[in-house]
Amino acid sequence: MTPRTWDAEYDVVVVGSGAGGLSAAVTAAAEGLKVLVVEKTDRVGGSTAVSGGAVWAPLNAQTAQVGHPDTAERVRTYMRNVVGEAAPLAMQNAFLDAAPAMVAWFETHTEVKLAARTYSPDYYPDREGAALGGRSLDPLMFDGRLLDQHFRNLRDPLPEFMVLGGMMITMTDAKHLLAVTRSFKSWREGMKLVLRYFADRLRGHHRGTRLVLGNALAARLFKSALDRGVPYWLNAPLRQLHLEAGRVVGVTVVRDGQPVSIHARRGVVVATGGFPWNDSLRQAHYPKPTGPWSMVPQGNSGDGIQLAREVGATLGSGHVSPAFWTPVSILKRPDGSELRYPHLVWDRAKPGLMAVNGAGERFVNESTSYHEFVNGMYRSNKTVPTFPAFLLCDSPFMERWGLGLALPGGRPREHLVRAGYLFKADSLAALASQLGIEAAALARSAERFNHWAETGHDEDFGKGSTAYNQYLGDAEHRPNPCLGPLHQGPFYAVKVYAGDIGTALGIRCNENAQALDTQGQPITGLYAAGNDMHSVMGGQYPAPGITLGPAMTFGWIAARHLARQPA
């Protein structure tokens, strides 16, 4: 039911403040529209702010500059070889056609500055059409002080992406910090980071203001929205989409405990982050077993998707996976809360880490993508209990690389053992006993794994066999950057579960990001972006940044389409 009177009027109401929502808001404001962003939680940034921040945008203008000239034919070939028919071809093409123009537009008109990676292989580099760099871009470092008083309203990154209680670091930063006693260059870079961080804290900031990764992307989008005068309401959850004569004309949100009805003269963009924290939707659509293992903010509970369905929108179909996976280990705190650690790119590919299932047997290439690793868990679980699976390493590995929340370099970790997060034993047999695994089976797996480490060729699962594997390994290790032995106690292990970094299943849309009804017709005035939109990747994971790339692209497309609509 449409309210008789509206409490506020805007041209566009954007629901959600992640990359999809903020991209739509910034673009719509640049088009001269009056825009409002409403955010369910008390912080801006959504899951973008806690992500790695990569943006996959093939054919962007920087590809040749970083040494990887590309062609549309190669990109489409790669998409065909990875995504195939898991997503509508029209949507795939709409993304590929618009992504480079989106990057160029943001570069010219906003604070969003991205740099193409000089070397970052697509996740299936052995498939025709793959590239070794250029397609994925990272946000440039951003100075949080430029947000002024709004900095506190930006969502903090995951604790795992910070050190010293609030200093953000990249993989490159982490390598420098681990090598400060071995390299003058690393010592210099490490000292610059630490001194900047302590200066921030002395000035009263609640954390470091040197922002990187997804936090930098969210901050740059946030700053761009502020520069355009876009207001944002925090703690304003969506309660209803208003439909009038087949057109979405506004929303009702709750603000300060009261319902507020907002007229959206052009339309509404739902970008509330998908449904990882909606138990009923997860149970209905995720494979079994599943649990509360997501890495995204717990406010991402499907509000936009559910309310869009109430006004006639439909879910997508044909996907191979409802979510984008990552293995996660879980620390249970004394107060009963949980801290989830995503094993994305740091430890699994390094030489000396082995993964086994409940039978003590390897089941997957440990250095494969995080998404493919969890697919391997589900495949293994069909015949052997693999929930949880176990990541194992020995003492030299732990001291150099760490394992999950257990940090390297002799740092304290006994508290993790006491908490039941980290398992530690002087022998593999004793470790097997702690994990409930048959000792003889684990010994056989380790013996075979050690043999492959010696030969440099994993004949069972191909760990270290692709450019992507080796990119995440240890370049100084021979004969294979990803293969090393387990031979020196004490030995360590953590349990991992099938976590996710967002949903792939969402609202079915057309090439203009308009939500579609049961007849496949657009619902006038209703758009979706980010993880509320059914993924153009169909639940496949071709490369780093395939969630944020489409989120920004279709947010941009939605706003430009809205600007052409009558009020």
Protein backbone atom coordinates (compact mmCIF):
# COMPACT_ATOMS: atom_id res chain seq x y z
CA MET A 1 0.00 0.00 0.00
CA THR A 2 1.26 3.45 -0.91
CA PRO A 3 1.15 6.02 1.89
CA ARG A 4 -1.33 8.86 1.47
CA THR A 5 1.47 11.29 2.21
CA TRP A 6 5.23 10.97 1.96
CA ASP A 7 7.59 12.01 4.72
CA ALA A 8 10.38 12.81 2.23
CA GLU A 9 10.92 12.90 -1.52
CA TYR A 10 13.96 12.04 -3.62
CA ASP A 11 14.54 11.08 -7.21
CA VAL A 12 16.38 7.91 -6.23
CA VAL A 13 16.53 5.95 -2.99
CA VAL A 14 19.48 3.56 -2.69
CA VAL A 15 19.12 0.85 -0.07
CA GLY A 16 22.54 -0.31 1.12
CA SER A 17 25.96 1.34 1.18
CA GLY A 18 28.37 -1.22 -0.27
CA ALA A 19 30.05 -0.90 -3.66
CA GLY A 20 26.85 -1.53 -5.60
CA GLY A 21 24.75 0.95 -3.64
CA LEU A 22 27.35 3.71 -3.41
CA SER A 23 28.26 3.37 -7.09
CA ALA A 24 24.61 3.86 -7.97
CA ALA A 25 24.27 6.80 -5.57
CA VAL A 26 27.38 8.62 -6.80
CA THR A 27 26.48 8.12 -10.46
CA ALA A 28 22.87 9.22 -9.98
CA ALA A 29 24.00 12.34 -8.13
CA ALA A 30 26.44 13.13 -10.93
CA GLU A 31 23.52 12.83 -13.35
CA GLY A 32 21.79 15.62 -11.45
CA LEU A 33 19.36 13.48 -9.47
CA LYS A 34 18.45 13.99 -5.83
CA VAL A 35 19.64 10.84 -4.05
CA LEU A 36 19.29 9.34 -0.59
CA VAL A 37 21.25 6.35 0.75
CA VAL A 38 19.62 4.37 3.56
CA GLU A 39 21.75 1.89 5.49
CA LYS A 40 20.46 -0.76 7.88
CA THR A 41 23.52 -0.80 10.15
CA ASP A 42 25.45 1.89 12.00
CA ARG A 43 28.29 2.00 9.45
CA VAL A 44 28.76 2.74 5.75
CA GLY A 45 30.54 0.31 3.45
CA GLY A 46 28.75 -3.03 3.70
CA SER A 47 30.74 -6.14 2.84
CA THR A 48 32.91 -4.04 0.50
CA ALA A 49 34.58 -2.41 3.50
CA VAL A 50 35.68 -5.80 4.88
CA SER A 51 36.69 -7.29 1.53
CA GLY A 52 39.99 -7.57 -0.30
CA GLY A 53 38.85 -4.74 -2.56
CA ALA A 54 39.79 -6.21 -5.96
CA VAL A 55 37.67 -5.11 -8.92
CA TRP A 56 37.57 -7.38 -11.98
CA ALA A 57 37.06 -5.14 -15.00
CA PRO A 58 38.54 -6.72 -18.14
CA LEU A 59 39.55 -4.46 -21.02
CA ASN A 60 40.09 -1.50 -18.72
CA ALA A 61 42.40 1.18 -20.11
CA GLN A 62 45.35 0.08 -17.97
CA THR A 63 45.71 -3.49 -19.21
CA ALA A 64 48.27 -2.73 -21.91
CA GLN A 65 50.11 -0.28 -19.64
CA VAL A 66 50.81 -3.04 -17.10
CA GLY A 67 51.99 -5.45 -19.78
CA HIS A 68 48.86 -7.47 -20.49
CA PRO A 69 47.17 -6.22 -23.67
CA ASP A 70 43.79 -7.89 -23.93
CA THR A 71 41.00 -8.41 -26.43
CA ALA A 72 37.25 -8.80 -26.13
CA GLU A 73 37.51 -12.16 -27.87
CA ARG A 74 39.96 -13.48 -25.24
CA VAL A 75 37.83 -12.29 -22.33
CA ARG A 76 34.66 -13.77 -23.77
CA THR A 77 36.47 -17.03 -24.46
CA TYR A 78 37.58 -17.18 -20.85
CA MET A 79 34.07 -16.42 -19.57
CA ARG A 80 32.69 -19.12 -21.83
CA ASN A 81 35.25 -21.60 -20.47
CA VAL A 82 34.54 -20.80 -16.81
CA VAL A 83 31.01 -19.41 -16.50
CA GLY A 84 29.51 -21.00 -19.58
CA GLU A 85 25.71 -21.15 -19.36
CA ALA A 86 25.58 -20.70 -15.58
CA ALA A 87 24.54 -17.07 -16.15
CA PRO A 88 22.59 -15.49 -19.03
CA LEU A 89 24.90 -14.57 -21.89
CA ALA A 90 23.19 -11.20 -22.26
CA MET A 91 24.07 -10.30 -18.68
CA GLN A 92 27.66 -11.47 -19.08
CA ASN A 93 28.02 -9.33 -22.20
CA ALA A 94 26.37 -6.33 -20.53
CA PHE A 95 28.97 -6.51 -17.78
CA LEU A 96 31.94 -6.97 -20.12
CA ASP A 97 30.78 -4.15 -22.39
CA ALA A 98 30.24 -1.65 -19.55
CA ALA A 99 33.00 -2.49 -17.06
CA PRO A 100 35.87 -0.61 -18.77
CA ALA A 101 33.68 2.45 -19.31
CA MET A 102 32.63 2.30 -15.65
CA VAL A 103 36.26 2.31 -14.48
CA ALA A 104 37.07 5.25 -16.75
CA TRP A 105 34.02 7.20 -15.57
CA PHE A 106 34.87 6.81 -11.89
CA GLU A 107 38.50 7.71 -12.58
CA THR A 108 37.40 10.96 -14.24
CA HIS A 109 34.47 12.03 -12.08
CA THR A 110 35.10 10.74 -8.55
CA GLU A 111 37.65 9.93 -5.87
CA VAL A 112 37.60 6.26 -6.92
CA LYS A 113 41.07 5.54 -8.27
CA LEU A 114 42.01 2.00 -9.25
CA ALA A 115 45.31 0.48 -10.33
CA ALA A 116 45.50 -2.60 -12.54
CA ARG A 117 47.62 -5.44 -11.19
CA THR A 118 50.82 -6.03 -13.10
CA TYR A 119 50.70 -9.72 -12.20
CA SER A 120 47.58 -11.43 -10.91
CA PRO A 121 46.53 -14.56 -12.78
CA ASP A 122 42.89 -15.39 -13.36
CA TYR A 123 41.87 -18.28 -11.12
CA TYR A 124 41.84 -20.81 -13.98
CA PRO A 125 44.98 -19.75 -15.87
CA ASP A 126 45.17 -23.03 -17.76
CA ARG A 127 41.88 -22.36 -19.55
CA GLU A 128 41.84 -20.66 -22.92
CA GLY A 129 41.37 -16.91 -22.74
CA ALA A 130 42.84 -16.50 -19.24
CA ALA A 131 45.13 -13.57 -18.45
CA LEU A 132 48.05 -13.26 -16.06
CA GLY A 133 47.32 -9.66 -15.10
CA GLY A 134 45.64 -6.40 -15.98
CA ARG A 135 42.03 -7.48 -15.56
CA SER A 136 41.90 -7.07 -11.79
CA LEU A 137 42.39 -3.64 -10.23
CA ASP A 138 42.98 -2.53 -6.66
CA PRO A 139 41.88 0.72 -5.03
CA LEU A 140 44.72 3.08 -4.31
CA MET A 141 45.53 3.70 -0.66
CA PHE A 142 43.17 6.29 0.82
CA ASP A 143 43.75 8.72 3.66
CA GLY A 144 40.82 8.27 6.03
CA ARG A 145 41.41 11.74 7.43
CA LEU A 146 39.85 13.14 4.25
CA LEU A 147 36.50 11.85 5.50
CA ASP A 148 36.78 14.17 8.50
CA GLN A 149 34.05 13.41 11.07
CA HIS A 150 32.51 10.82 8.72
CA PHE A 151 35.52 8.51 9.20
CA ARG A 152 33.94 6.99 12.29
CA ASN A 153 30.88 6.10 10.20
CA LEU A 154 32.95 3.97 7.81
CA ARG A 155 32.79 0.26 8.62
CA ASP A 156 36.02 -1.03 10.12
CA PRO A 157 37.87 -3.79 8.24
CA LEU A 158 38.12 -7.32 9.53
CA PRO A 159 40.50 -7.64 12.48
CA GLU A 160 42.47 -10.17 10.39
CA PHE A 161 43.35 -7.36 7.96
CA MET A 162 44.84 -5.27 10.75
CA VAL A 163 47.79 -5.55 13.10
CA LEU A 164 48.66 -3.72 16.32
CA GLY A 165 44.96 -3.36 17.03
CA GLY A 166 44.04 -1.14 14.09
CA MET A 167 46.70 -0.84 11.35
CA MET A 168 45.58 -2.07 7.93
CA ILE A 169 48.08 -4.03 5.85
CA THR A 170 48.23 -5.60 2.41
CA MET A 171 50.03 -8.82 1.51
CA THR A 172 53.04 -6.75 0.48
CA ASP A 173 52.98 -4.90 3.82
CA ALA A 174 52.80 -8.22 5.67
CA LYS A 175 55.85 -9.53 3.85
CA HIS A 176 57.81 -6.40 4.76
CA LEU A 177 56.77 -6.65 8.42
CA LEU A 178 57.85 -10.29 8.56
CA ALA A 179 61.24 -9.40 7.06
CA VAL A 180 62.13 -6.27 9.06
CA THR A 181 65.09 -8.01 10.68
CA ARG A 182 66.39 -9.43 7.37
CA SER A 183 66.10 -6.53 4.93
CA PHE A 184 66.82 -2.82 5.23
CA LYS A 185 64.13 -2.07 2.65
CA SER A 186 61.60 -4.07 4.66
CA TRP A 187 62.70 -2.38 7.89
CA ARG A 188 62.25 1.04 6.28
CA GLU A 189 58.81 0.22 4.87
CA GLY A 190 57.72 -1.40 8.12
CA MET A 191 58.81 1.60 10.18
CA LYS A 192 56.90 3.96 7.90
CA LEU A 193 53.74 1.94 8.46
CA VAL A 194 54.14 1.73 12.22
CA LEU A 195 55.05 5.40 12.71
CA ARG A 196 52.07 6.51 10.61
CA TYR A 197 49.79 4.27 12.65
CA PHE A 198 50.99 5.48 16.03
CA ALA A 199 50.68 9.08 14.86
CA ASP A 200 47.04 8.38 13.96
CA ARG A 201 46.32 6.94 17.38
CA LEU A 202 48.01 9.85 19.13
CA ARG A 203 45.74 12.21 17.18
CA GLY A 204 42.73 10.41 18.63
CA HIS A 205 41.65 8.25 15.70
CA HIS A 206 40.05 4.96 16.75
CA ARG A 207 42.23 3.11 14.19
CA GLY A 208 44.79 3.82 11.51
CA THR A 209 43.77 6.20 8.73
CA ARG A 210 45.93 4.57 6.04
CA LEU A 211 43.19 2.63 4.30
CA VAL A 212 43.84 -0.17 1.82
CA LEU A 213 41.98 -3.11 0.27
CA GLY A 214 38.17 -2.99 0.32
CA ASN A 215 38.16 -0.42 3.09
CA ALA A 216 39.91 2.00 0.73
CA LEU A 217 37.37 1.30 -2.00
CA ALA A 218 34.44 1.86 0.36
CA ALA A 219 36.08 5.04 1.66
CA ARG A 220 36.68 6.39 -1.85
CA LEU A 221 33.06 5.75 -2.82
CA PHE A 222 31.88 7.27 0.47
CA LYS A 223 34.01 10.39 -0.10
CA SER A 224 32.67 10.67 -3.64
CA ALA A 225 29.09 10.52 -2.35
CA LEU A 226 29.83 13.17 0.27
CA ASP A 227 31.45 15.39 -2.36
CA ARG A 228 28.23 15.15 -4.39
CA GLY A 229 26.14 16.11 -1.37
CA VAL A 230 24.43 12.72 -1.06
CA PRO A 231 22.82 12.34 2.39
CA TYR A 232 22.95 8.99 4.15
CA TRP A 233 20.83 7.60 6.96
CA LEU A 234 22.36 5.02 9.28
CA ASN A 235 20.35 2.58 11.42
CA ALA A 236 17.54 2.85 8.87
CA PRO A 237 16.46 -0.69 7.87
CA LEU A 238 14.16 -1.18 4.90
CA ARG A 239 10.66 -2.32 5.82
CA GLN A 240 8.64 -2.01 2.61
CA LEU A 241 8.79 -1.27 -1.09
CA HIS A 242 5.71 0.61 -2.29
CA LEU A 243 4.10 -0.51 -5.52
CA GLU A 244 1.61 1.64 -7.40
CA ALA A 245 0.10 0.57 -10.73
CA GLY A 246 2.94 -1.89 -11.27
CA ARG A 247 5.66 0.64 -10.47
CA VAL A 248 7.86 0.88 -7.36
CA VAL A 249 7.38 4.45 -6.18
CA GLY A 250 9.05 4.54 -2.78
CA VAL A 251 10.10 2.83 0.40
CA THR A 252 9.40 2.77 4.09
CA VAL A 253 12.36 2.57 6.44
CA VAL A 254 12.59 2.72 10.20
CA ARG A 255 14.45 5.72 11.56
CA ASP A 256 14.79 6.55 15.25
CA GLY A 257 12.25 3.84 15.94
CA GLN A 258 9.61 5.36 13.66
CA PRO A 259 8.49 4.38 10.13
CA VAL A 260 9.47 6.94 7.50
CA SER A 261 7.94 6.80 4.02
CA ILE A 262 10.11 8.14 1.21
CA HIS A 263 8.87 8.87 -2.29
CA ALA A 264 11.35 7.80 -4.99
CA ARG A 265 10.31 9.74 -8.08
CA ARG A 266 12.58 7.82 -10.47
CA GLY A 267 13.10 4.56 -8.63
CA VAL A 268 14.74 2.44 -5.93
CA VAL A 269 18.02 0.53 -6.05
CA VAL A 270 18.22 -2.41 -3.64
CA ALA A 271 21.80 -3.28 -2.75
CA THR A 272 21.53 -4.78 0.72
CA GLY A 273 24.28 -7.37 0.34
CA GLY A 274 22.50 -10.64 -0.36
CA PHE A 275 21.29 -13.17 2.19
CA PRO A 276 24.23 -15.00 3.87
CA TRP A 277 22.82 -14.26 7.33
CA ASN A 278 19.23 -15.28 6.57
CA ASP A 279 18.99 -18.78 8.00
CA SER A 280 15.78 -19.76 6.20
CA LEU A 281 17.08 -18.69 2.77
CA ARG A 282 20.44 -20.30 3.46
CA GLN A 283 18.80 -23.59 4.45
CA ALA A 284 16.61 -23.45 1.36
CA HIS A 285 19.34 -22.68 -1.17
CA TYR A 286 22.80 -23.61 0.19
CA PRO A 287 24.16 -27.15 -0.10
CA LYS A 288 24.29 -29.19 3.07
CA PRO A 289 25.83 -28.91 5.54
CA THR A 290 25.69 -25.18 6.05
CA GLY A 291 25.92 -22.92 9.05
CA PRO A 292 26.51 -19.36 10.24
CA TRP A 293 29.95 -19.26 8.68
CA SER A 294 29.78 -16.19 6.44
CA MET A 295 32.47 -13.51 6.44
CA VAL A 296 30.12 -10.67 5.45
CA PRO A 297 28.49 -8.32 8.00
CA GLN A 298 25.60 -9.93 9.83
CA GLY A 299 23.25 -7.21 8.59
CA ASN A 300 23.32 -8.92 5.17
CA SER A 301 20.20 -10.97 5.79
CA GLY A 302 18.31 -10.73 2.51
CA ASP A 303 16.10 -7.71 3.26
CA GLY A 304 16.29 -6.30 -0.26
CA ILE A 305 15.74 -9.68 -1.91
CA GLN A 306 12.76 -10.62 0.24
CA LEU A 307 10.99 -7.28 -0.11
CA ALA A 308 11.68 -7.18 -3.85
CA ARG A 309 10.05 -10.59 -4.16
CA GLU A 310 6.99 -9.25 -2.33
CA VAL A 311 6.44 -6.76 -5.15
CA GLY A 312 6.89 -9.36 -7.88
CA ALA A 313 10.65 -9.76 -8.41
CA THR A 314 12.01 -13.25 -8.97
CA LEU A 315 15.18 -15.12 -8.12
CA GLY A 316 17.69 -16.09 -10.76
CA SER A 317 18.27 -19.66 -11.87
CA GLY A 318 20.77 -21.84 -13.68
CA HIS A 319 23.65 -21.03 -11.33
CA VAL A 320 26.13 -23.68 -10.25
CA SER A 321 26.52 -22.31 -6.73
CA PRO A 322 24.32 -20.04 -4.58
CA ALA A 323 27.32 -18.36 -2.92
CA PHE A 324 30.98 -17.48 -3.31
CA TRP A 325 32.89 -19.73 -0.95
CA THR A 326 35.90 -19.51 1.30
CA PRO A 327 37.14 -21.93 3.97
CA VAL A 328 36.87 -20.33 7.40
CA SER A 329 38.24 -21.29 10.79
CA ILE A 330 36.30 -20.24 13.86
CA LEU A 331 37.48 -19.05 17.25
CA LYS A 332 34.88 -19.20 20.00
CA ARG A 333 35.46 -16.39 22.48
CA PRO A 334 34.82 -16.72 26.22
CA ASP A 335 31.67 -14.59 25.90
CA GLY A 336 30.20 -17.03 23.38
CA SER A 337 30.76 -14.87 20.31
CA GLU A 338 32.71 -16.15 17.34
CA LEU A 339 35.57 -14.80 15.27
CA ARG A 340 35.75 -16.24 11.77
CA TYR A 341 39.02 -16.22 9.84
CA PRO A 342 38.87 -16.52 6.02
CA HIS A 343 41.66 -18.66 4.57
CA LEU A 344 41.71 -16.71 1.33
CA VAL A 345 45.23 -16.19 -0.02
CA TRP A 346 47.79 -16.18 2.78
CA ASP A 347 48.45 -19.67 4.11
CA ARG A 348 46.93 -22.43 1.96
CA ALA A 349 49.24 -22.08 -1.04
CA LYS A 350 52.44 -21.84 0.95
CA PRO A 351 54.87 -24.79 0.92
CA GLY A 352 54.19 -27.17 3.78
CA LEU A 353 50.43 -26.79 4.33
CA MET A 354 48.34 -29.92 3.82
CA ALA A 355 44.54 -30.24 3.96
CA VAL A 356 42.79 -33.49 4.90
CA ASN A 357 39.23 -34.69 5.44
CA GLY A 358 37.81 -36.70 8.33
CA ALA A 359 39.50 -39.84 7.04
CA GLY A 360 42.91 -38.19 7.22
CA GLU A 361 43.18 -38.07 3.42
CA ARG A 362 43.94 -35.18 1.11
CA PHE A 363 40.95 -34.21 -1.02
CA VAL A 364 41.86 -31.00 -2.87
CA ASN A 365 44.63 -28.84 -4.29
CA GLU A 366 45.33 -26.71 -1.22
CA SER A 367 46.52 -23.78 -3.32
CA THR A 368 43.43 -23.56 -5.51
CA SER A 369 41.09 -20.58 -5.18
CA TYR A 370 39.14 -20.23 -1.96
CA HIS A 371 35.90 -20.84 -3.87
CA GLU A 372 37.20 -24.02 -5.48
CA PHE A 373 38.62 -25.25 -2.16
CA VAL A 374 35.14 -25.28 -0.61
CA ASN A 375 33.72 -26.93 -3.72
CA GLY A 376 36.30 -29.62 -3.02
CA MET A 377 35.03 -29.92 0.55
CA TYR A 378 31.49 -30.51 -0.66
CA ARG A 379 32.63 -33.08 -3.23
CA SER A 380 34.65 -34.95 -0.64
CA ASN A 381 31.82 -34.85 1.88
CA LYS A 382 29.65 -36.97 -0.40
CA THR A 383 31.72 -40.02 0.53
CA VAL A 384 33.90 -38.99 3.51
CA PRO A 385 33.04 -36.62 6.37
CA THR A 386 34.74 -33.32 5.43
CA PHE A 387 32.95 -30.86 7.70
CA PRO A 388 35.13 -29.78 9.26
CA ALA A 389 38.21 -30.26 7.12
CA PHE A 390 41.66 -29.76 8.64
CA LEU A 391 44.60 -27.57 7.62
CA LEU A 392 47.91 -28.94 8.93
CA CYS A 393 51.45 -27.60 9.10
CA ASP A 394 54.68 -28.13 11.00
CA SER A 395 56.78 -25.87 13.21
CA PRO A 396 58.95 -24.21 10.51
CA PHE A 397 55.82 -23.38 8.52
CA MET A 398 54.12 -21.90 11.58
CA GLU A 399 57.09 -19.72 12.43
CA ARG A 400 57.37 -18.38 8.89
CA TRP A 401 53.77 -18.11 7.72
CA GLY A 402 51.41 -18.70 10.60
CA LEU A 403 48.11 -20.57 10.30
CA GLY A 404 44.83 -18.67 10.41
CA LEU A 405 44.68 -16.64 13.60
CA ALA A 406 47.93 -18.18 14.80
CA LEU A 407 50.57 -15.62 13.87
CA PRO A 408 54.13 -16.38 12.73
CA GLY A 409 57.44 -15.24 14.13
CA GLY A 410 57.25 -16.74 17.60
CA ARG A 411 54.14 -14.81 18.59
CA PRO A 412 51.99 -16.16 21.44
CA ARG A 413 49.49 -18.80 20.36
CA GLU A 414 48.87 -20.94 23.43
CA HIS A 415 45.67 -19.00 24.07
CA LEU A 416 44.38 -20.32 20.74
CA VAL A 417 45.20 -23.87 21.83
CA ARG A 418 43.32 -23.38 25.10
CA ALA A 419 40.35 -21.95 23.22
CA GLY A 420 40.13 -25.06 21.03
CA TYR A 421 40.90 -23.14 17.85
CA LEU A 422 44.47 -24.34 17.28
CA PHE A 423 45.56 -27.94 17.76
CA LYS A 424 49.17 -28.64 18.65
CA ALA A 425 51.07 -31.89 19.18
CA ASP A 426 54.65 -33.14 19.14
CA SER A 427 53.86 -35.85 16.58
CA LEU A 428 51.43 -36.33 13.72
CA ALA A 429 50.01 -39.38 15.51
CA ALA A 430 49.22 -37.30 18.59
CA LEU A 431 47.73 -34.57 16.40
CA ALA A 432 45.56 -37.17 14.65
CA SER A 433 44.26 -38.29 18.02
CA GLN A 434 43.26 -34.74 18.94
CA LEU A 435 41.45 -34.30 15.61
CA GLY A 436 39.69 -37.67 15.73
CA ILE A 437 41.53 -38.92 12.65
CA GLU A 438 43.05 -42.37 12.14
CA ALA A 439 46.77 -41.90 12.80
CA ALA A 440 47.89 -44.40 10.18
CA ALA A 441 45.85 -42.70 7.45
CA LEU A 442 47.26 -39.29 8.34
CA ALA A 443 50.79 -40.71 8.34
CA ARG A 444 50.27 -42.15 4.85
CA SER A 445 48.92 -38.83 3.58
CA ALA A 446 51.87 -36.93 5.05
CA GLU A 447 54.39 -39.40 3.64
CA ARG A 448 52.93 -39.08 0.17
CA PHE A 449 52.67 -35.28 0.52
CA ASN A 450 56.33 -35.10 1.57
CA HIS A 451 57.33 -37.14 -1.46
CA TRP A 452 55.64 -34.64 -3.79
CA ALA A 453 57.41 -31.85 -1.92
CA GLU A 454 60.71 -33.48 -2.68
CA THR A 455 59.96 -34.07 -6.38
CA GLY A 456 58.23 -30.70 -6.83
CA HIS A 457 55.26 -32.29 -8.59
CA ASP A 458 52.01 -33.14 -6.80
CA GLU A 459 50.66 -36.05 -8.84
CA ASP A 460 47.54 -36.39 -6.68
CA PHE A 461 45.98 -32.93 -6.71
CA GLY A 462 48.39 -30.65 -8.56
CA LYS A 463 49.26 -28.24 -5.76
CA GLY A 464 51.53 -25.62 -7.30
CA SER A 465 50.77 -26.68 -10.85
CA THR A 466 49.32 -23.41 -12.20
CA ALA A 467 50.43 -19.79 -12.42
CA TYR A 468 47.72 -18.83 -9.93
CA ASN A 469 48.93 -21.45 -7.43
CA GLN A 470 52.52 -20.30 -7.68
CA TYR A 471 51.55 -16.62 -7.50
CA LEU A 472 50.37 -17.27 -3.93
CA GLY A 473 53.21 -19.59 -2.96
CA ASP A 474 56.74 -18.76 -1.85
CA ALA A 475 58.72 -17.62 -4.89
CA GLU A 476 62.00 -18.36 -3.11
CA HIS A 477 61.12 -21.98 -2.37
CA ARG A 478 62.37 -24.75 -4.66
CA PRO A 479 61.59 -26.87 -6.54
CA ASN A 480 57.91 -25.80 -6.28
CA PRO A 481 56.74 -22.56 -4.59
CA CYS A 482 53.73 -24.38 -3.13
CA LEU A 483 55.17 -27.73 -2.05
CA GLY A 484 57.06 -28.26 1.20
CA PRO A 485 57.24 -31.11 3.72
CA LEU A 486 55.65 -31.72 7.11
CA HIS A 487 58.48 -33.18 9.10
CA GLN A 488 59.42 -31.12 12.16
CA GLY A 489 57.29 -30.96 15.29
CA PRO A 490 55.42 -29.58 16.94
CA PHE A 491 52.65 -29.98 14.39
CA TYR A 492 49.60 -27.74 14.17
CA ALA A 493 46.08 -27.85 12.73
CA VAL A 494 42.90 -25.81 12.49
CA LYS A 495 39.40 -26.87 11.53
CA VAL A 496 37.77 -25.17 8.54
CA TYR A 497 34.17 -24.91 7.43
CA ALA A 498 32.36 -23.83 4.26
CA GLY A 499 32.15 -20.10 4.75
CA ASP A 500 31.18 -17.56 2.13
CA ILE A 501 32.05 -14.01 1.12
CA GLY A 502 28.60 -13.31 -0.29
CA THR A 503 25.71 -14.83 -2.18
CA ALA A 504 25.60 -15.43 -5.93
CA LEU A 505 21.88 -16.19 -6.00
CA GLY A 506 19.82 -13.02 -6.14
CA ILE A 507 17.19 -10.99 -7.96
CA ARG A 508 16.91 -11.75 -11.66
CA CYS A 509 17.65 -8.58 -13.63
CA ASN A 510 18.00 -7.39 -17.20
CA GLU A 511 20.92 -5.55 -18.78
CA ASN A 512 19.75 -2.25 -17.23
CA ALA A 513 19.85 -3.75 -13.72
CA GLN A 514 16.04 -3.67 -13.59
CA ALA A 515 14.41 -6.39 -11.50
CA LEU A 516 12.33 -8.83 -13.54
CA ASP A 517 8.93 -10.32 -12.72
CA THR A 518 7.70 -13.87 -13.29
CA GLN A 519 7.09 -13.08 -16.97
CA GLY A 520 10.62 -11.77 -17.42
CA GLN A 521 9.40 -8.19 -17.70
CA PRO A 522 11.08 -5.29 -15.86
CA ILE A 523 9.39 -3.93 -12.76
CA THR A 524 9.42 -0.21 -13.38
CA GLY A 525 11.27 1.70 -10.69
CA LEU A 526 13.01 -1.31 -9.13
CA TYR A 527 16.71 -2.01 -9.65
CA ALA A 528 19.24 -4.31 -7.98
CA ALA A 529 23.01 -4.16 -7.60
CA GLY A 530 25.75 -5.93 -5.69
CA ASN A 531 24.93 -9.30 -4.16
CA ASP A 532 21.19 -8.57 -4.27
CA MET A 533 21.48 -9.00 -8.06
CA HIS A 534 21.74 -12.53 -9.42
CA SER A 535 25.42 -12.91 -10.26
CA VAL A 536 26.59 -12.58 -13.85
CA MET A 537 29.15 -15.23 -12.88
CA GLY A 538 26.48 -17.83 -12.17
CA GLY A 539 28.14 -18.92 -8.96
CA GLN A 540 31.49 -19.48 -10.66
CA TYR A 541 34.62 -17.59 -9.56
CA PRO A 542 36.79 -16.76 -12.59
CA ALA A 543 39.18 -14.24 -11.02
CA PRO A 544 39.85 -11.85 -8.13
CA GLY A 545 37.25 -9.09 -7.96
CA ILE A 546 34.31 -10.78 -9.69
CA THR A 547 31.88 -9.59 -7.02
CA LEU A 548 32.95 -5.95 -6.77
CA GLY A 549 33.48 -5.51 -10.51
CA PRO A 550 29.86 -6.35 -11.39
CA ALA A 551 28.58 -4.55 -8.27
CA MET A 552 30.11 -1.25 -9.35
CA THR A 553 29.28 -1.80 -13.00
CA PHE A 554 25.59 -2.53 -12.51
CA GLY A 555 25.26 0.18 -9.87
CA TRP A 556 26.62 2.57 -12.50
CA ILE A 557 24.32 1.12 -15.18
CA ALA A 558 21.26 1.36 -12.90
CA ALA A 559 21.88 5.02 -12.11
CA ARG A 560 22.40 5.97 -15.75
CA HIS A 561 19.19 4.18 -16.70
CA LEU A 562 17.32 5.89 -13.85
CA ALA A 563 18.51 9.26 -15.11
CA ARG A 564 16.71 8.61 -18.40
CA GLN A 565 13.41 7.67 -16.75
CA PRO A 566 10.48 10.07 -16.27
CA ALA A 567 9.82 11.20 -12.73
